Amino acid sequence: MTSRRLADATNGWNAVAVGANGQAGIKIGAGSEQAAVDSALEECVKHDRECHIAVIGPFMVEPEADRTSTRAASPQ
């Protein structure tokens, strides 16, 4: 579960990337913000398309409404 992994992460930078079909790529404990972002995006594109960063560290960078409307509009 993504929320549990993020809650348990106490060191380093964390990032979550989300794709068009709702699949996530997660990087926990990276040495830098950029490394976390790059790794999360790399993991996401293995399972989905049009991946973008939704969370960096403890910060959500995508408003809740955007995530809901994107998910609802995406073909399954």
N, C-alpha and C. Protein backbone atom coordinates (compact mmCIF):
# COMPACT_ATOMS: atom_id res chain seq x y z
N MET A 1 0.84 -1.16 0.00
CA MET A 1 0.00 0.00 0.00
C MET A 1 0.90 1.25 0.00
N THR A 2 0.62 2.16 -0.89
CA THR A 2 1.44 3.36 -1.06
C THR A 2 1.46 4.22 0.20
N SER A 3 0.34 4.44 0.81
CA SER A 3 0.30 5.32 1.98
C SER A 3 1.12 4.74 3.13
N ARG A 4 1.10 3.44 3.32
CA ARG A 4 1.87 2.80 4.39
C ARG A 4 3.37 2.94 4.10
N ARG A 5 3.77 2.70 2.85
CA ARG A 5 5.19 2.83 2.50
C ARG A 5 5.68 4.25 2.75
N LEU A 6 4.89 5.24 2.40
CA LEU A 6 5.28 6.63 2.61
C LEU A 6 5.31 6.97 4.10
N ALA A 7 4.35 6.48 4.85
CA ALA A 7 4.31 6.74 6.29
C ALA A 7 5.51 6.14 7.01
N ASP A 8 5.98 5.00 6.54
CA ASP A 8 7.10 4.32 7.17
C ASP A 8 8.46 4.88 6.73
N ALA A 9 8.48 5.69 5.70
CA ALA A 9 9.73 6.25 5.18
C ALA A 9 10.17 7.42 6.05
N THR A 10 11.32 7.29 6.68
CA THR A 10 11.78 8.34 7.57
C THR A 10 13.08 8.99 7.11
N ASN A 11 13.72 8.45 6.11
CA ASN A 11 14.99 8.99 5.62
C ASN A 11 14.95 9.18 4.12
N GLY A 12 15.61 10.23 3.65
CA GLY A 12 15.74 10.45 2.21
C GLY A 12 14.50 11.09 1.61
N TRP A 13 14.57 11.23 0.30
CA TRP A 13 13.48 11.82 -0.48
C TRP A 13 12.55 10.74 -0.99
N ASN A 14 11.26 11.02 -1.02
CA ASN A 14 10.24 10.09 -1.51
C ASN A 14 9.46 10.75 -2.64
N ALA A 15 9.03 9.95 -3.60
CA ALA A 15 8.20 10.47 -4.69
C ALA A 15 7.25 9.39 -5.17
N VAL A 16 6.09 9.83 -5.64
CA VAL A 16 5.10 8.93 -6.24
C VAL A 16 4.71 9.52 -7.59
N ALA A 17 4.80 8.70 -8.63
CA ALA A 17 4.34 9.09 -9.96
C ALA A 17 3.09 8.27 -10.27
N VAL A 18 2.14 8.87 -10.94
CA VAL A 18 0.89 8.20 -11.29
C VAL A 18 0.67 8.32 -12.79
N GLY A 19 0.24 7.20 -13.40
CA GLY A 19 0.00 7.18 -14.83
C GLY A 19 -1.46 7.38 -15.19
N ALA A 20 -1.73 7.42 -16.46
CA ALA A 20 -3.07 7.68 -16.99
C ALA A 20 -4.10 6.66 -16.52
N ASN A 21 -3.67 5.43 -16.29
CA ASN A 21 -4.59 4.39 -15.84
C ASN A 21 -4.53 4.16 -14.34
N GLY A 22 -3.88 5.07 -13.61
CA GLY A 22 -3.86 4.99 -12.15
C GLY A 22 -2.76 4.13 -11.55
N GLN A 23 -1.89 3.56 -12.39
CA GLN A 23 -0.77 2.79 -11.85
C GLN A 23 0.27 3.73 -11.27
N ALA A 24 0.92 3.31 -10.19
CA ALA A 24 1.89 4.18 -9.52
C ALA A 24 3.30 3.63 -9.59
N GLY A 25 4.24 4.55 -9.58
CA GLY A 25 5.65 4.24 -9.40
C GLY A 25 6.10 4.96 -8.15
N ILE A 26 6.81 4.27 -7.27
CA ILE A 26 7.18 4.83 -5.97
C ILE A 26 8.68 4.71 -5.76
N LYS A 27 9.27 5.77 -5.25
CA LYS A 27 10.67 5.72 -4.81
C LYS A 27 10.72 6.23 -3.38
N ILE A 28 11.27 5.42 -2.49
CA ILE A 28 11.39 5.75 -1.08
C ILE A 28 12.87 5.86 -0.73
N GLY A 29 13.24 6.90 0.00
CA GLY A 29 14.58 7.02 0.54
C GLY A 29 15.68 7.37 -0.44
N ALA A 30 15.36 8.10 -1.49
CA ALA A 30 16.38 8.51 -2.47
C ALA A 30 17.32 9.55 -1.85
N GLY A 31 18.50 9.67 -2.41
CA GLY A 31 19.50 10.60 -1.91
C GLY A 31 19.22 12.05 -2.23
N SER A 32 18.36 12.31 -3.24
CA SER A 32 18.02 13.68 -3.61
C SER A 32 16.59 13.72 -4.13
N GLU A 33 16.06 14.92 -4.18
CA GLU A 33 14.71 15.09 -4.72
C GLU A 33 14.66 14.63 -6.17
N GLN A 34 15.64 15.03 -6.97
CA GLN A 34 15.65 14.66 -8.39
C GLN A 34 15.75 13.16 -8.57
N ALA A 35 16.57 12.49 -7.75
CA ALA A 35 16.70 11.03 -7.85
C ALA A 35 15.37 10.35 -7.53
N ALA A 36 14.65 10.87 -6.54
CA ALA A 36 13.35 10.30 -6.19
C ALA A 36 12.36 10.47 -7.33
N VAL A 37 12.32 11.66 -7.91
CA VAL A 37 11.41 11.94 -9.03
C VAL A 37 11.74 11.04 -10.22
N ASP A 38 13.01 10.98 -10.60
CA ASP A 38 13.42 10.17 -11.74
C ASP A 38 13.07 8.70 -11.54
N SER A 39 13.36 8.17 -10.36
CA SER A 39 13.09 6.75 -10.08
C SER A 39 11.60 6.44 -10.07
N ALA A 40 10.80 7.33 -9.49
CA ALA A 40 9.36 7.11 -9.46
C ALA A 40 8.78 7.11 -10.87
N LEU A 41 9.22 8.04 -11.70
CA LEU A 41 8.76 8.09 -13.09
C LEU A 41 9.20 6.85 -13.86
N GLU A 42 10.43 6.41 -13.67
CA GLU A 42 10.93 5.21 -14.35
C GLU A 42 10.10 3.98 -13.96
N GLU A 43 9.76 3.88 -12.68
CA GLU A 43 8.96 2.74 -12.21
C GLU A 43 7.54 2.81 -12.78
N CYS A 44 6.97 4.00 -12.82
CA CYS A 44 5.61 4.17 -13.32
C CYS A 44 5.48 3.77 -14.80
N VAL A 45 6.42 4.22 -15.63
CA VAL A 45 6.31 3.95 -17.07
C VAL A 45 6.49 2.47 -17.41
N LYS A 46 6.94 1.67 -16.47
CA LYS A 46 7.01 0.22 -16.69
C LYS A 46 5.61 -0.39 -16.72
N HIS A 47 4.63 0.30 -16.10
CA HIS A 47 3.29 -0.27 -15.95
C HIS A 47 2.17 0.60 -16.51
N ASP A 48 2.49 1.83 -16.91
CA ASP A 48 1.45 2.77 -17.33
C ASP A 48 2.04 3.76 -18.34
N ARG A 49 1.26 4.74 -18.73
CA ARG A 49 1.69 5.75 -19.69
C ARG A 49 1.34 7.12 -19.14
N GLU A 50 1.89 8.16 -19.74
CA GLU A 50 1.61 9.54 -19.33
C GLU A 50 1.79 9.74 -17.82
N CYS A 51 2.88 9.23 -17.29
CA CYS A 51 3.14 9.34 -15.86
C CYS A 51 3.55 10.75 -15.48
N HIS A 52 3.15 11.15 -14.29
CA HIS A 52 3.51 12.46 -13.76
C HIS A 52 3.66 12.34 -12.24
N ILE A 53 4.39 13.26 -11.66
CA ILE A 53 4.62 13.24 -10.22
C ILE A 53 3.39 13.76 -9.49
N ALA A 54 2.93 13.00 -8.51
CA ALA A 54 1.78 13.40 -7.69
C ALA A 54 2.19 13.74 -6.26
N VAL A 55 3.30 13.15 -5.79
CA VAL A 55 3.76 13.38 -4.42
C VAL A 55 5.28 13.47 -4.42
N ILE A 56 5.80 14.47 -3.71
CA ILE A 56 7.24 14.58 -3.46
C ILE A 56 7.40 14.80 -1.96
N GLY A 57 8.17 13.92 -1.31
CA GLY A 57 8.34 14.03 0.14
C GLY A 57 6.98 13.98 0.80
N PRO A 58 6.70 14.88 1.72
CA PRO A 58 5.39 14.90 2.36
C PRO A 58 4.39 15.78 1.62
N PHE A 59 4.74 16.23 0.42
CA PHE A 59 3.91 17.21 -0.28
C PHE A 59 3.18 16.59 -1.47
N MET A 60 1.86 16.76 -1.52
CA MET A 60 1.09 16.38 -2.70
C MET A 60 1.21 17.52 -3.69
N VAL A 61 1.58 17.23 -4.92
CA VAL A 61 1.77 18.29 -5.91
C VAL A 61 0.65 18.34 -6.93
N GLU A 62 -0.33 17.48 -6.77
CA GLU A 62 -1.47 17.43 -7.68
C GLU A 62 -2.74 17.56 -6.86
N PRO A 63 -3.59 18.54 -7.14
CA PRO A 63 -4.83 18.70 -6.38
C PRO A 63 -5.73 17.48 -6.49
N GLU A 64 -6.48 17.21 -5.46
CA GLU A 64 -7.39 16.06 -5.41
C GLU A 64 -8.34 16.04 -6.61
N ALA A 65 -8.89 17.18 -7.00
CA ALA A 65 -9.83 17.24 -8.12
C ALA A 65 -9.17 16.80 -9.42
N ASP A 66 -7.90 17.15 -9.63
CA ASP A 66 -7.20 16.74 -10.84
C ASP A 66 -7.04 15.24 -10.90
N ARG A 67 -6.70 14.61 -9.78
CA ARG A 67 -6.52 13.16 -9.77
C ARG A 67 -7.83 12.46 -10.06
N THR A 68 -8.92 12.95 -9.50
CA THR A 68 -10.22 12.32 -9.70
C THR A 68 -10.68 12.47 -11.16
N SER A 69 -10.56 13.67 -11.71
CA SER A 69 -11.03 13.89 -13.08
C SER A 69 -10.14 13.14 -14.08
N THR A 70 -8.85 13.06 -13.82
CA THR A 70 -7.94 12.33 -14.72
C THR A 70 -8.29 10.86 -14.72
N ARG A 71 -8.51 10.31 -13.54
CA ARG A 71 -8.80 8.89 -13.42
C ARG A 71 -10.14 8.58 -14.08
N ALA A 72 -11.14 9.43 -13.89
CA ALA A 72 -12.47 9.19 -14.44
C ALA A 72 -12.46 9.29 -15.96
N ALA A 73 -11.60 10.13 -16.52
CA ALA A 73 -11.58 10.33 -17.97
C ALA A 73 -10.69 9.31 -18.68
N SER A 74 -9.88 8.57 -17.94
CA SER A 74 -8.95 7.64 -18.57
C SER A 74 -9.65 6.36 -18.99
N PRO A 75 -9.36 5.85 -20.18
CA PRO A 75 -9.95 4.57 -20.59
C PRO A 75 -9.33 3.45 -19.75
N GLN A 76 -10.11 2.50 -19.39
CA GLN A 76 -9.64 1.38 -18.58
C GLN A 76 -9.34 0.17 -19.42
